[in-house]
């Protein structure tokens, strides 16, 4: 985990409704969805946030899905669907953290 405040901000941005939606995509409970969020934040390359959102998402989706599936035990197909919701939030919060540090 790169930064606990980053994870906290991502979970806050997602909120309870989107965490439940992620849990449904993954076939787990909210705690399992939180574990997937943490694994996603850890799996997203540190260099993200410097490109366009669409470019970053398309470039890292498959490798991130594989890494999250390996760390959590969730099926890659489920993780891939969940990342469609999760990655824009993760990348947005990473960009916010970078702007705040400058």
N, C-alpha and C. Protein backbone atom coordinates (compact mmCIF):
# COMPACT_ATOMS: atom_id res chain seq x y z
N UNK A 1 0.84 -1.18 0.00
CA UNK A 1 0.00 0.00 0.00
C UNK A 1 0.88 1.23 0.00
N UNK A 2 0.69 2.08 -0.97
CA UNK A 2 1.51 3.27 -1.10
C UNK A 2 1.23 4.30 -0.03
N UNK A 3 -0.03 4.56 0.25
CA UNK A 3 -0.37 5.70 1.08
C UNK A 3 -1.76 5.45 1.69
N UNK A 4 -1.79 5.36 3.01
CA UNK A 4 -3.07 5.08 3.68
C UNK A 4 -4.07 6.21 3.47
N UNK A 5 -3.59 7.47 3.38
CA UNK A 5 -4.54 8.57 3.16
C UNK A 5 -5.14 8.48 1.76
N UNK A 6 -4.35 7.98 0.80
CA UNK A 6 -4.87 7.78 -0.55
C UNK A 6 -5.99 6.75 -0.52
N UNK A 7 -5.78 5.64 0.15
CA UNK A 7 -6.82 4.61 0.26
C UNK A 7 -8.06 5.18 0.93
N UNK A 8 -7.87 5.92 2.02
CA UNK A 8 -9.01 6.51 2.72
C UNK A 8 -9.80 7.46 1.83
N UNK A 9 -9.08 8.26 1.04
CA UNK A 9 -9.76 9.19 0.14
C UNK A 9 -10.52 8.46 -0.96
N UNK A 10 -9.95 7.38 -1.46
CA UNK A 10 -10.62 6.60 -2.50
C UNK A 10 -11.88 5.95 -1.93
N UNK A 11 -11.78 5.37 -0.74
CA UNK A 11 -12.96 4.75 -0.12
C UNK A 11 -14.03 5.81 0.15
N UNK A 12 -13.62 6.99 0.58
CA UNK A 12 -14.59 8.07 0.82
C UNK A 12 -15.25 8.50 -0.48
N UNK A 13 -14.47 8.61 -1.54
CA UNK A 13 -15.01 9.01 -2.85
C UNK A 13 -15.98 7.96 -3.37
N UNK A 14 -15.67 6.71 -3.16
CA UNK A 14 -16.57 5.64 -3.60
C UNK A 14 -17.88 5.67 -2.83
N UNK A 15 -17.78 5.82 -1.52
CA UNK A 15 -18.96 5.81 -0.68
C UNK A 15 -19.56 4.42 -0.55
N UNK A 16 -20.52 4.31 0.33
CA UNK A 16 -21.14 3.02 0.62
C UNK A 16 -21.86 2.42 -0.59
N UNK A 17 -22.56 3.26 -1.36
CA UNK A 17 -23.32 2.73 -2.50
C UNK A 17 -22.42 2.09 -3.55
N UNK A 18 -21.33 2.77 -3.90
CA UNK A 18 -20.44 2.21 -4.92
C UNK A 18 -19.64 1.03 -4.37
N UNK A 19 -19.34 1.03 -3.07
CA UNK A 19 -18.68 -0.15 -2.50
C UNK A 19 -19.60 -1.36 -2.57
N UNK A 20 -20.89 -1.14 -2.30
CA UNK A 20 -21.85 -2.26 -2.43
C UNK A 20 -21.95 -2.70 -3.89
N UNK A 21 -21.91 -1.75 -4.82
CA UNK A 21 -21.95 -2.09 -6.24
C UNK A 21 -20.71 -2.92 -6.62
N UNK A 22 -19.54 -2.51 -6.14
CA UNK A 22 -18.32 -3.28 -6.37
C UNK A 22 -18.44 -4.68 -5.78
N UNK A 23 -18.97 -4.75 -4.56
CA UNK A 23 -19.15 -6.05 -3.90
C UNK A 23 -20.03 -6.95 -4.76
N UNK A 24 -21.09 -6.39 -5.32
CA UNK A 24 -21.97 -7.17 -6.19
C UNK A 24 -21.25 -7.67 -7.43
N UNK A 25 -20.43 -6.80 -8.05
CA UNK A 25 -19.67 -7.20 -9.23
C UNK A 25 -18.69 -8.32 -8.90
N UNK A 26 -18.13 -8.27 -7.71
CA UNK A 26 -17.12 -9.24 -7.30
C UNK A 26 -17.72 -10.49 -6.66
N UNK A 27 -19.01 -10.45 -6.34
CA UNK A 27 -19.64 -11.59 -5.68
C UNK A 27 -19.17 -11.76 -4.25
N UNK A 28 -19.00 -10.64 -3.54
CA UNK A 28 -18.50 -10.67 -2.18
C UNK A 28 -19.26 -9.67 -1.33
N UNK A 29 -18.79 -9.47 -0.12
CA UNK A 29 -19.40 -8.46 0.76
C UNK A 29 -18.59 -7.16 0.67
N UNK A 30 -19.01 -6.15 1.44
CA UNK A 30 -18.36 -4.84 1.39
C UNK A 30 -16.90 -4.95 1.83
N UNK A 31 -16.60 -5.77 2.82
CA UNK A 31 -15.21 -5.93 3.26
C UNK A 31 -14.36 -6.51 2.14
N UNK A 32 -14.91 -7.45 1.39
CA UNK A 32 -14.20 -8.00 0.24
C UNK A 32 -13.96 -6.94 -0.82
N UNK A 33 -14.95 -6.07 -1.02
CA UNK A 33 -14.79 -4.97 -1.97
C UNK A 33 -13.69 -4.01 -1.51
N UNK A 34 -13.64 -3.74 -0.21
CA UNK A 34 -12.58 -2.87 0.32
C UNK A 34 -11.20 -3.50 0.11
N UNK A 35 -11.12 -4.80 0.27
CA UNK A 35 -9.87 -5.51 0.02
C UNK A 35 -9.47 -5.36 -1.45
N UNK A 36 -10.44 -5.46 -2.34
CA UNK A 36 -10.17 -5.29 -3.77
C UNK A 36 -9.72 -3.86 -4.07
N UNK A 37 -10.30 -2.87 -3.40
CA UNK A 37 -9.87 -1.48 -3.58
C UNK A 37 -8.42 -1.33 -3.15
N UNK A 38 -8.08 -1.87 -2.00
CA UNK A 38 -6.70 -1.78 -1.51
C UNK A 38 -5.74 -2.47 -2.48
N UNK A 39 -6.11 -3.64 -2.97
CA UNK A 39 -5.25 -4.35 -3.92
C UNK A 39 -5.11 -3.56 -5.21
N UNK A 40 -6.17 -2.90 -5.64
CA UNK A 40 -6.13 -2.09 -6.85
C UNK A 40 -5.18 -0.92 -6.68
N UNK A 41 -5.28 -0.23 -5.55
CA UNK A 41 -4.40 0.92 -5.30
C UNK A 41 -2.94 0.45 -5.29
N UNK A 42 -2.69 -0.70 -4.72
CA UNK A 42 -1.33 -1.24 -4.69
C UNK A 42 -0.85 -1.65 -6.08
N UNK A 43 -1.76 -2.10 -6.92
CA UNK A 43 -1.39 -2.61 -8.24
C UNK A 43 -1.26 -1.53 -9.31
N UNK A 44 -1.88 -0.38 -9.09
CA UNK A 44 -1.81 0.70 -10.09
C UNK A 44 -0.39 1.26 -10.08
N UNK A 45 0.25 1.33 -11.24
CA UNK A 45 1.62 1.85 -11.29
C UNK A 45 1.71 3.27 -10.73
N UNK A 46 2.80 3.56 -10.05
CA UNK A 46 3.00 4.87 -9.42
C UNK A 46 3.05 6.00 -10.44
N UNK A 47 3.34 5.70 -11.68
CA UNK A 47 3.46 6.75 -12.70
C UNK A 47 2.12 7.20 -13.26
N UNK A 48 1.02 6.59 -12.84
CA UNK A 48 -0.28 6.98 -13.39
C UNK A 48 -0.65 8.37 -12.91
N UNK A 49 -1.58 8.97 -13.62
CA UNK A 49 -2.01 10.31 -13.28
C UNK A 49 -1.31 11.36 -14.13
N UNK A 50 -0.35 10.93 -14.94
CA UNK A 50 0.38 11.87 -15.80
C UNK A 50 -0.15 11.83 -17.23
N UNK A 51 -1.03 10.93 -17.55
CA UNK A 51 -1.59 10.76 -18.88
C UNK A 51 -3.07 11.11 -18.85
N UNK A 52 -3.72 10.98 -19.99
CA UNK A 52 -5.16 11.14 -20.01
C UNK A 52 -5.79 9.96 -19.30
N UNK A 53 -6.93 10.17 -18.69
CA UNK A 53 -7.61 9.11 -17.94
C UNK A 53 -7.90 7.91 -18.83
N UNK A 54 -8.41 8.14 -20.02
CA UNK A 54 -8.75 7.02 -20.91
C UNK A 54 -7.51 6.24 -21.31
N UNK A 55 -6.42 6.93 -21.58
CA UNK A 55 -5.18 6.26 -21.96
C UNK A 55 -4.62 5.41 -20.84
N UNK A 56 -4.65 5.95 -19.64
CA UNK A 56 -4.14 5.21 -18.49
C UNK A 56 -4.99 3.98 -18.24
N UNK A 57 -6.30 4.15 -18.25
CA UNK A 57 -7.20 3.03 -17.96
C UNK A 57 -7.01 1.92 -18.98
N UNK A 58 -6.94 2.26 -20.25
CA UNK A 58 -6.79 1.20 -21.25
C UNK A 58 -5.43 0.52 -21.14
N UNK A 59 -4.40 1.26 -20.76
CA UNK A 59 -3.06 0.70 -20.67
C UNK A 59 -2.88 -0.21 -19.45
N UNK A 60 -3.54 0.11 -18.34
CA UNK A 60 -3.28 -0.65 -17.11
C UNK A 60 -4.39 -1.62 -16.71
N UNK A 61 -5.52 -1.58 -17.37
CA UNK A 61 -6.66 -2.40 -16.95
C UNK A 61 -6.33 -3.88 -16.84
N UNK A 62 -5.76 -4.45 -17.88
CA UNK A 62 -5.52 -5.90 -17.88
C UNK A 62 -4.50 -6.29 -16.81
N UNK A 63 -3.39 -5.57 -16.75
CA UNK A 63 -2.36 -5.95 -15.77
C UNK A 63 -2.85 -5.71 -14.35
N UNK A 64 -3.63 -4.65 -14.15
CA UNK A 64 -4.17 -4.37 -12.82
C UNK A 64 -5.20 -5.44 -12.45
N UNK A 65 -6.04 -5.83 -13.39
CA UNK A 65 -7.03 -6.88 -13.11
C UNK A 65 -6.35 -8.18 -12.72
N UNK A 66 -5.29 -8.53 -13.42
CA UNK A 66 -4.55 -9.75 -13.08
C UNK A 66 -3.96 -9.66 -11.68
N UNK A 67 -3.35 -8.53 -11.36
CA UNK A 67 -2.72 -8.36 -10.04
C UNK A 67 -3.75 -8.39 -8.92
N UNK A 68 -4.89 -7.72 -9.13
CA UNK A 68 -5.94 -7.69 -8.10
C UNK A 68 -6.53 -9.08 -7.92
N UNK A 69 -6.77 -9.78 -9.02
CA UNK A 69 -7.32 -11.14 -8.93
C UNK A 69 -6.36 -12.05 -8.18
N UNK A 70 -5.07 -11.91 -8.44
CA UNK A 70 -4.08 -12.74 -7.76
C UNK A 70 -4.05 -12.44 -6.26
N UNK A 71 -4.13 -11.16 -5.90
CA UNK A 71 -4.04 -10.78 -4.49
C UNK A 71 -5.32 -11.08 -3.70
N UNK A 72 -6.46 -11.05 -4.39
CA UNK A 72 -7.73 -11.20 -3.66
C UNK A 72 -8.38 -12.56 -3.84
N UNK A 73 -8.04 -13.27 -4.91
CA UNK A 73 -8.69 -14.53 -5.20
C UNK A 73 -9.99 -14.39 -5.97
N UNK A 74 -10.39 -13.16 -6.31
CA UNK A 74 -11.60 -12.96 -7.11
C UNK A 74 -11.29 -13.30 -8.56
N UNK A 75 -12.29 -13.78 -9.30
CA UNK A 75 -12.07 -14.11 -10.71
C UNK A 75 -11.68 -12.86 -11.52
N UNK A 76 -10.75 -13.03 -12.46
CA UNK A 76 -10.27 -11.92 -13.28
C UNK A 76 -11.43 -11.23 -14.00
N UNK A 77 -12.39 -12.00 -14.48
CA UNK A 77 -13.52 -11.41 -15.20
C UNK A 77 -14.31 -10.46 -14.29
N UNK A 78 -14.53 -10.87 -13.06
CA UNK A 78 -15.26 -10.02 -12.10
C UNK A 78 -14.45 -8.78 -11.75
N UNK A 79 -13.16 -8.97 -11.56
CA UNK A 79 -12.29 -7.83 -11.24
C UNK A 79 -12.28 -6.85 -12.40
N UNK A 80 -12.21 -7.34 -13.62
CA UNK A 80 -12.20 -6.46 -14.79
C UNK A 80 -13.46 -5.59 -14.84
N UNK A 81 -14.60 -6.19 -14.56
CA UNK A 81 -15.85 -5.41 -14.54
C UNK A 81 -15.84 -4.39 -13.41
N UNK A 82 -15.34 -4.80 -12.25
CA UNK A 82 -15.29 -3.89 -11.10
C UNK A 82 -14.33 -2.73 -11.37
N UNK A 83 -13.26 -2.99 -12.09
CA UNK A 83 -12.29 -1.93 -12.38
C UNK A 83 -12.86 -0.84 -13.27
N UNK A 84 -13.87 -1.17 -14.05
CA UNK A 84 -14.53 -0.14 -14.87
C UNK A 84 -15.10 0.96 -13.98
N UNK A 85 -15.56 0.59 -12.81
CA UNK A 85 -16.08 1.56 -11.85
C UNK A 85 -14.96 2.15 -11.00
N UNK A 86 -14.03 1.32 -10.61
CA UNK A 86 -13.03 1.69 -9.62
C UNK A 86 -11.87 2.52 -10.16
N UNK A 87 -11.33 2.17 -11.31
CA UNK A 87 -10.13 2.86 -11.79
C UNK A 87 -10.30 4.36 -12.00
N UNK A 88 -11.41 4.83 -12.56
CA UNK A 88 -11.53 6.30 -12.67
C UNK A 88 -11.46 7.00 -11.32
N UNK A 89 -12.04 6.40 -10.30
CA UNK A 89 -12.00 6.99 -8.96
C UNK A 89 -10.57 6.97 -8.42
N UNK A 90 -9.91 5.83 -8.54
CA UNK A 90 -8.53 5.70 -8.05
C UNK A 90 -7.63 6.73 -8.74
N UNK A 91 -7.72 6.82 -10.05
CA UNK A 91 -6.85 7.73 -10.78
C UNK A 91 -7.16 9.19 -10.47
N UNK A 92 -8.43 9.50 -10.27
CA UNK A 92 -8.81 10.86 -9.91
C UNK A 92 -8.24 11.26 -8.55
N UNK A 93 -8.33 10.37 -7.59
CA UNK A 93 -7.81 10.67 -6.26
C UNK A 93 -6.29 10.74 -6.28
N UNK A 94 -5.63 9.89 -7.07
CA UNK A 94 -4.17 9.97 -7.20
C UNK A 94 -3.79 11.35 -7.76
N UNK A 95 -4.50 11.79 -8.78
CA UNK A 95 -4.21 13.11 -9.36
C UNK A 95 -4.44 14.22 -8.33
N UNK A 96 -5.49 14.13 -7.54
CA UNK A 96 -5.75 15.12 -6.50
C UNK A 96 -4.60 15.15 -5.49
N UNK A 97 -4.12 13.98 -5.09
CA UNK A 97 -3.01 13.91 -4.14
C UNK A 97 -1.74 14.54 -4.74
N UNK A 98 -1.50 14.29 -6.00
CA UNK A 98 -0.31 14.87 -6.65
C UNK A 98 -0.41 16.39 -6.70
N UNK A 99 -1.60 16.91 -7.05
CA UNK A 99 -1.77 18.36 -7.10
C UNK A 99 -1.59 18.98 -5.73
N UNK A 100 -2.05 18.31 -4.70
CA UNK A 100 -1.93 18.84 -3.34
C UNK A 100 -0.47 18.88 -2.86
N UNK A 101 0.36 18.00 -3.39
CA UNK A 101 1.77 17.95 -2.98
C UNK A 101 2.63 18.99 -3.68
N UNK A 102 2.14 19.55 -4.77
CA UNK A 102 2.95 20.52 -5.54
C UNK A 102 2.92 21.88 -4.91
